[in-house]
Amino acid sequence: MKKLTIGIGLIINALSIQAQDTTCIYFNNIDVCEFNYKTSEIIFCEKQLRDFYTIKLELGDVLCLDLSDGRDLERETKLLFYDGDLRNYTLNSKNNVYFSPKGVVEVQIGREKLKQK
């Protein structure tokens, strides 16, 4: 009976595990494109018309953020975690790739701006 209980618990646990998805977003000046992480195929492109571009993630997903403004600029970035914690970062946007840490459910990317010295 004990083995049956453990076996059922393992099956339930295996069924509840979800595959991790990777979302890839490319920023180049005001152009924003989402692309397939494995094939590099472009899914969609649009212009960043607001001060912040918002990307929603499911818990456990990873965001690959490709900031390719081509000049020595920076972007204000806000990370919202599942527990409500909000963290602000300033990222170098001259051809850099960043990955979101665990627990992030929303990322807001500001427009490119000159670096503050």
N, C-alpha and C. Protein backbone atom coordinates (compact mmCIF):
# COMPACT_ATOMS: atom_id res chain seq x y z
N MET A 1 0.83 -1.19 0.00
CA MET A 1 0.00 0.00 0.00
C MET A 1 0.87 1.26 0.00
N LYS A 2 1.98 1.20 0.75
CA LYS A 2 2.87 2.35 0.83
C LYS A 2 3.48 2.65 -0.55
N LYS A 3 3.87 1.58 -1.29
CA LYS A 3 4.44 1.77 -2.62
C LYS A 3 3.41 2.35 -3.58
N LEU A 4 2.16 1.94 -3.44
CA LEU A 4 1.09 2.45 -4.29
C LEU A 4 0.90 3.95 -4.04
N THR A 5 0.91 4.35 -2.78
CA THR A 5 0.75 5.77 -2.44
C THR A 5 1.91 6.60 -2.99
N ILE A 6 3.12 6.11 -2.85
CA ILE A 6 4.29 6.81 -3.39
C ILE A 6 4.21 6.87 -4.91
N GLY A 7 3.81 5.78 -5.54
CA GLY A 7 3.68 5.73 -7.00
C GLY A 7 2.66 6.73 -7.51
N ILE A 8 1.52 6.82 -6.84
CA ILE A 8 0.49 7.78 -7.24
C ILE A 8 1.00 9.21 -7.06
N GLY A 9 1.70 9.46 -5.96
CA GLY A 9 2.27 10.78 -5.72
C GLY A 9 3.26 11.18 -6.82
N LEU A 10 4.09 10.23 -7.23
CA LEU A 10 5.05 10.52 -8.30
C LEU A 10 4.35 10.80 -9.63
N ILE A 11 3.29 10.06 -9.92
CA ILE A 11 2.55 10.27 -11.17
C ILE A 11 1.88 11.64 -11.16
N ILE A 12 1.27 12.01 -10.05
CA ILE A 12 0.63 13.33 -9.94
C ILE A 12 1.66 14.43 -10.10
N ASN A 13 2.81 14.26 -9.47
CA ASN A 13 3.88 15.26 -9.58
C ASN A 13 4.37 15.38 -11.02
N ALA A 14 4.54 14.25 -11.70
CA ALA A 14 5.01 14.28 -13.09
C ALA A 14 3.99 14.96 -14.00
N LEU A 15 2.71 14.74 -13.76
CA LEU A 15 1.67 15.36 -14.57
C LEU A 15 1.58 16.87 -14.32
N SER A 16 1.94 17.31 -13.14
CA SER A 16 1.81 18.73 -12.81
C SER A 16 2.99 19.56 -13.29
N ILE A 17 4.10 18.92 -13.66
CA ILE A 17 5.27 19.65 -14.14
C ILE A 17 4.99 20.14 -15.55
N GLN A 18 5.22 21.43 -15.77
CA GLN A 18 5.00 22.02 -17.09
C GLN A 18 6.35 22.33 -17.72
N ALA A 19 6.37 22.25 -19.04
CA ALA A 19 7.59 22.56 -19.77
C ALA A 19 7.88 24.05 -19.68
N GLN A 20 9.14 24.39 -19.56
CA GLN A 20 9.54 25.80 -19.50
C GLN A 20 9.55 26.35 -20.92
N ASP A 21 8.93 27.49 -21.12
CA ASP A 21 8.94 28.16 -22.41
C ASP A 21 9.95 29.30 -22.36
N THR A 22 10.55 29.57 -23.50
CA THR A 22 11.46 30.70 -23.62
C THR A 22 10.87 31.68 -24.62
N THR A 23 10.64 32.91 -24.17
CA THR A 23 10.15 33.98 -25.02
C THR A 23 11.33 34.85 -25.39
N CYS A 24 11.49 35.14 -26.68
CA CYS A 24 12.61 35.96 -27.14
C CYS A 24 12.09 37.24 -27.76
N ILE A 25 12.56 38.36 -27.25
CA ILE A 25 12.16 39.67 -27.74
C ILE A 25 13.42 40.44 -28.13
N TYR A 26 13.39 41.03 -29.32
CA TYR A 26 14.50 41.79 -29.88
C TYR A 26 14.10 43.26 -29.95
N PHE A 27 14.94 44.12 -29.40
CA PHE A 27 14.72 45.58 -29.44
C PHE A 27 15.83 46.21 -30.26
N ASN A 28 15.45 47.04 -31.24
CA ASN A 28 16.39 47.83 -32.01
C ASN A 28 15.76 49.19 -32.23
N ASN A 29 16.21 50.16 -31.46
CA ASN A 29 15.63 51.50 -31.44
C ASN A 29 14.14 51.38 -31.09
N ILE A 30 13.21 51.71 -32.00
CA ILE A 30 11.79 51.59 -31.66
C ILE A 30 11.18 50.29 -32.18
N ASP A 31 11.96 49.49 -32.93
CA ASP A 31 11.45 48.21 -33.44
C ASP A 31 11.53 47.14 -32.36
N VAL A 32 10.43 46.40 -32.21
CA VAL A 32 10.35 45.31 -31.24
C VAL A 32 9.87 44.07 -31.99
N CYS A 33 10.61 42.97 -31.91
CA CYS A 33 10.23 41.74 -32.60
C CYS A 33 10.30 40.57 -31.62
N GLU A 34 9.31 39.70 -31.71
CA GLU A 34 9.35 38.43 -30.97
C GLU A 34 9.76 37.37 -31.96
N PHE A 35 10.68 36.49 -31.55
CA PHE A 35 11.11 35.43 -32.45
C PHE A 35 11.21 34.10 -31.72
N ASN A 36 11.19 33.02 -32.50
CA ASN A 36 11.29 31.67 -31.97
C ASN A 36 12.72 31.42 -31.51
N TYR A 37 12.88 30.98 -30.27
CA TYR A 37 14.20 30.79 -29.66
C TYR A 37 15.02 29.74 -30.40
N LYS A 38 14.37 28.66 -30.86
CA LYS A 38 15.10 27.56 -31.48
C LYS A 38 15.36 27.78 -32.96
N THR A 39 14.40 28.35 -33.69
CA THR A 39 14.55 28.49 -35.14
C THR A 39 14.92 29.90 -35.57
N SER A 40 14.86 30.87 -34.67
CA SER A 40 15.10 32.30 -34.96
C SER A 40 14.09 32.88 -35.94
N GLU A 41 12.97 32.19 -36.16
CA GLU A 41 11.91 32.69 -37.04
C GLU A 41 11.17 33.82 -36.34
N ILE A 42 10.94 34.91 -37.06
CA ILE A 42 10.23 36.06 -36.49
C ILE A 42 8.74 35.73 -36.38
N ILE A 43 8.18 35.94 -35.20
CA ILE A 43 6.76 35.68 -34.96
C ILE A 43 5.95 36.94 -35.25
N PHE A 44 6.40 38.08 -34.75
CA PHE A 44 5.77 39.37 -35.06
C PHE A 44 6.73 40.50 -34.78
N CYS A 45 6.47 41.64 -35.40
CA CYS A 45 7.23 42.87 -35.16
C CYS A 45 6.26 44.04 -35.01
N GLU A 46 6.64 45.00 -34.18
CA GLU A 46 5.85 46.21 -34.02
C GLU A 46 6.77 47.34 -33.55
N LYS A 47 6.24 48.53 -33.45
CA LYS A 47 6.99 49.69 -33.00
C LYS A 47 6.70 49.94 -31.52
N GLN A 48 7.71 50.36 -30.77
CA GLN A 48 7.51 50.74 -29.37
C GLN A 48 7.06 52.19 -29.35
N LEU A 49 5.76 52.40 -29.20
CA LEU A 49 5.18 53.74 -29.25
C LEU A 49 4.96 54.35 -27.87
N ARG A 50 5.04 53.56 -26.83
CA ARG A 50 4.85 54.06 -25.45
C ARG A 50 6.19 54.09 -24.74
N ASP A 51 6.19 54.73 -23.58
CA ASP A 51 7.44 54.83 -22.81
C ASP A 51 7.96 53.46 -22.38
N PHE A 52 7.04 52.52 -22.06
CA PHE A 52 7.44 51.18 -21.65
C PHE A 52 6.71 50.13 -22.48
N TYR A 53 7.45 49.11 -22.88
CA TYR A 53 6.89 47.96 -23.59
C TYR A 53 6.74 46.84 -22.56
N THR A 54 5.53 46.29 -22.41
CA THR A 54 5.26 45.30 -21.38
C THR A 54 5.23 43.90 -21.96
N ILE A 55 5.93 42.98 -21.29
CA ILE A 55 5.98 41.57 -21.69
C ILE A 55 5.47 40.75 -20.51
N LYS A 56 4.40 39.99 -20.72
CA LYS A 56 3.84 39.12 -19.68
C LYS A 56 4.44 37.73 -19.83
N LEU A 57 4.79 37.11 -18.70
CA LEU A 57 5.33 35.75 -18.68
C LEU A 57 4.50 34.88 -17.75
N GLU A 58 4.44 33.61 -18.06
CA GLU A 58 3.86 32.65 -17.14
C GLU A 58 4.93 32.28 -16.12
N LEU A 59 4.51 31.94 -14.91
CA LEU A 59 5.47 31.55 -13.88
C LEU A 59 6.27 30.35 -14.38
N GLY A 60 7.58 30.45 -14.35
CA GLY A 60 8.46 29.38 -14.82
C GLY A 60 9.02 29.63 -16.21
N ASP A 61 8.44 30.57 -16.95
CA ASP A 61 8.95 30.90 -18.28
C ASP A 61 10.21 31.76 -18.17
N VAL A 62 10.98 31.78 -19.24
CA VAL A 62 12.21 32.57 -19.30
C VAL A 62 12.08 33.57 -20.44
N LEU A 63 12.54 34.79 -20.21
CA LEU A 63 12.58 35.80 -21.25
C LEU A 63 14.02 36.00 -21.70
N CYS A 64 14.24 35.87 -22.99
CA CYS A 64 15.52 36.19 -23.61
C CYS A 64 15.34 37.57 -24.23
N LEU A 65 16.06 38.53 -23.73
CA LEU A 65 15.90 39.92 -24.13
C LEU A 65 17.14 40.36 -24.89
N ASP A 66 16.98 40.63 -26.18
CA ASP A 66 18.09 41.03 -27.04
C ASP A 66 17.98 42.54 -27.29
N LEU A 67 18.84 43.31 -26.62
CA LEU A 67 18.85 44.76 -26.77
C LEU A 67 19.95 45.13 -27.76
N SER A 68 19.56 45.51 -28.96
CA SER A 68 20.52 45.76 -30.04
C SER A 68 20.33 47.15 -30.63
N ASP A 69 20.43 48.15 -29.78
CA ASP A 69 20.26 49.52 -30.26
C ASP A 69 21.45 49.98 -31.10
N GLY A 70 22.59 49.29 -31.02
CA GLY A 70 23.73 49.59 -31.87
C GLY A 70 24.57 50.78 -31.43
N ARG A 71 24.11 51.52 -30.47
CA ARG A 71 24.87 52.66 -29.94
C ARG A 71 24.98 52.50 -28.43
N ASP A 72 25.82 53.28 -27.82
CA ASP A 72 26.04 53.18 -26.38
C ASP A 72 24.88 53.84 -25.63
N LEU A 73 23.76 53.12 -25.53
CA LEU A 73 22.55 53.61 -24.88
C LEU A 73 22.18 52.70 -23.73
N GLU A 74 21.13 53.08 -23.01
CA GLU A 74 20.63 52.25 -21.92
C GLU A 74 19.11 52.28 -21.92
N ARG A 75 18.54 51.27 -21.29
CA ARG A 75 17.08 51.17 -21.18
C ARG A 75 16.71 50.88 -19.72
N GLU A 76 15.75 51.63 -19.23
CA GLU A 76 15.21 51.35 -17.89
C GLU A 76 14.35 50.10 -18.00
N THR A 77 14.52 49.20 -17.05
CA THR A 77 13.81 47.92 -17.08
C THR A 77 13.22 47.64 -15.71
N LYS A 78 11.95 47.21 -15.71
CA LYS A 78 11.26 46.87 -14.46
C LYS A 78 10.87 45.40 -14.50
N LEU A 79 11.21 44.68 -13.43
CA LEU A 79 10.86 43.27 -13.31
C LEU A 79 9.86 43.09 -12.18
N LEU A 80 8.72 42.49 -12.49
CA LEU A 80 7.71 42.18 -11.48
C LEU A 80 7.75 40.68 -11.21
N PHE A 81 7.94 40.32 -9.95
CA PHE A 81 8.00 38.91 -9.55
C PHE A 81 6.63 38.43 -9.08
N TYR A 82 6.45 37.12 -9.07
CA TYR A 82 5.15 36.51 -8.71
C TYR A 82 4.68 36.91 -7.32
N ASP A 83 5.60 37.25 -6.42
CA ASP A 83 5.23 37.61 -5.05
C ASP A 83 4.96 39.11 -4.88
N GLY A 84 4.96 39.86 -6.01
CA GLY A 84 4.68 41.30 -5.96
C GLY A 84 5.91 42.18 -5.87
N ASP A 85 7.09 41.57 -5.70
CA ASP A 85 8.34 42.33 -5.63
C ASP A 85 8.62 42.99 -6.98
N LEU A 86 8.92 44.28 -6.98
CA LEU A 86 9.22 45.03 -8.19
C LEU A 86 10.65 45.53 -8.10
N ARG A 87 11.46 45.20 -9.12
CA ARG A 87 12.86 45.63 -9.14
C ARG A 87 13.13 46.44 -10.40
N ASN A 88 13.90 47.50 -10.24
CA ASN A 88 14.25 48.37 -11.36
C ASN A 88 15.72 48.21 -11.69
N TYR A 89 16.01 48.15 -13.00
CA TYR A 89 17.38 48.03 -13.47
C TYR A 89 17.58 48.98 -14.64
N THR A 90 18.82 49.37 -14.87
CA THR A 90 19.19 50.10 -16.06
C THR A 90 20.14 49.20 -16.84
N LEU A 91 19.72 48.81 -18.05
CA LEU A 91 20.48 47.86 -18.85
C LEU A 91 21.18 48.55 -20.01
N ASN A 92 22.41 48.13 -20.27
CA ASN A 92 23.16 48.60 -21.43
C ASN A 92 22.51 48.00 -22.67
N SER A 93 22.14 48.85 -23.63
CA SER A 93 21.39 48.34 -24.78
C SER A 93 22.20 48.33 -26.07
N LYS A 94 23.52 48.32 -25.96
CA LYS A 94 24.35 48.22 -27.16
C LYS A 94 24.73 46.76 -27.39
N ASN A 95 23.86 46.05 -28.10
CA ASN A 95 24.12 44.66 -28.50
C ASN A 95 24.37 43.73 -27.32
N ASN A 96 23.45 43.71 -26.36
CA ASN A 96 23.54 42.82 -25.20
C ASN A 96 22.31 41.94 -25.12
N VAL A 97 22.51 40.72 -24.60
CA VAL A 97 21.42 39.77 -24.40
C VAL A 97 21.30 39.51 -22.90
N TYR A 98 20.07 39.56 -22.41
CA TYR A 98 19.78 39.33 -20.99
C TYR A 98 18.72 38.23 -20.88
N PHE A 99 18.77 37.47 -19.79
CA PHE A 99 17.76 36.46 -19.49
C PHE A 99 17.11 36.80 -18.16
N SER A 100 15.80 36.60 -18.10
CA SER A 100 15.08 36.92 -16.86
C SER A 100 15.40 35.90 -15.78
N PRO A 101 15.46 36.34 -14.53
CA PRO A 101 15.66 35.40 -13.42
C PRO A 101 14.38 34.64 -13.12
N LYS A 102 14.48 33.62 -12.30
CA LYS A 102 13.31 32.81 -11.92
C LYS A 102 12.30 33.66 -11.16
N GLY A 103 11.02 33.41 -11.42
CA GLY A 103 9.97 34.06 -10.67
C GLY A 103 9.41 35.33 -11.29
N VAL A 104 9.97 35.78 -12.41
CA VAL A 104 9.49 36.99 -13.06
C VAL A 104 8.21 36.68 -13.84
N VAL A 105 7.18 37.53 -13.66
CA VAL A 105 5.92 37.34 -14.38
C VAL A 105 5.60 38.51 -15.33
N GLU A 106 6.35 39.62 -15.19
CA GLU A 106 6.15 40.75 -16.09
C GLU A 106 7.45 41.55 -16.19
N VAL A 107 7.76 41.96 -17.42
CA VAL A 107 8.94 42.78 -17.67
C VAL A 107 8.48 44.01 -18.45
N GLN A 108 8.94 45.17 -18.02
CA GLN A 108 8.66 46.41 -18.73
C GLN A 108 9.98 47.00 -19.19
N ILE A 109 10.09 47.27 -20.49
CA ILE A 109 11.31 47.79 -21.09
C ILE A 109 11.06 49.21 -21.56
N GLY A 110 11.87 50.15 -21.06
CA GLY A 110 11.73 51.55 -21.47
C GLY A 110 12.39 51.81 -22.81
N ARG A 111 12.10 52.98 -23.35
CA ARG A 111 12.74 53.37 -24.61
C ARG A 111 14.23 53.60 -24.38
N GLU A 112 14.98 53.52 -25.45
CA GLU A 112 16.43 53.74 -25.34
C GLU A 112 16.69 55.20 -25.04
N LYS A 113 17.76 55.45 -24.26
CA LYS A 113 18.15 56.82 -23.94
C LYS A 113 19.66 56.86 -23.75
N LEU A 114 20.21 58.06 -23.83
CA LEU A 114 21.64 58.24 -23.64
C LEU A 114 22.04 57.82 -22.23
N LYS A 115 23.23 57.28 -22.09
CA LYS A 115 23.72 56.86 -20.78
C LYS A 115 23.94 58.07 -19.89
N GLN A 116 23.59 57.91 -18.62
CA GLN A 116 23.85 58.94 -17.61
C GLN A 116 25.28 58.74 -17.12
N LYS A 117 26.03 59.80 -17.06
CA LYS A 117 27.44 59.67 -16.60
C LYS A 117 27.59 60.15 -15.21
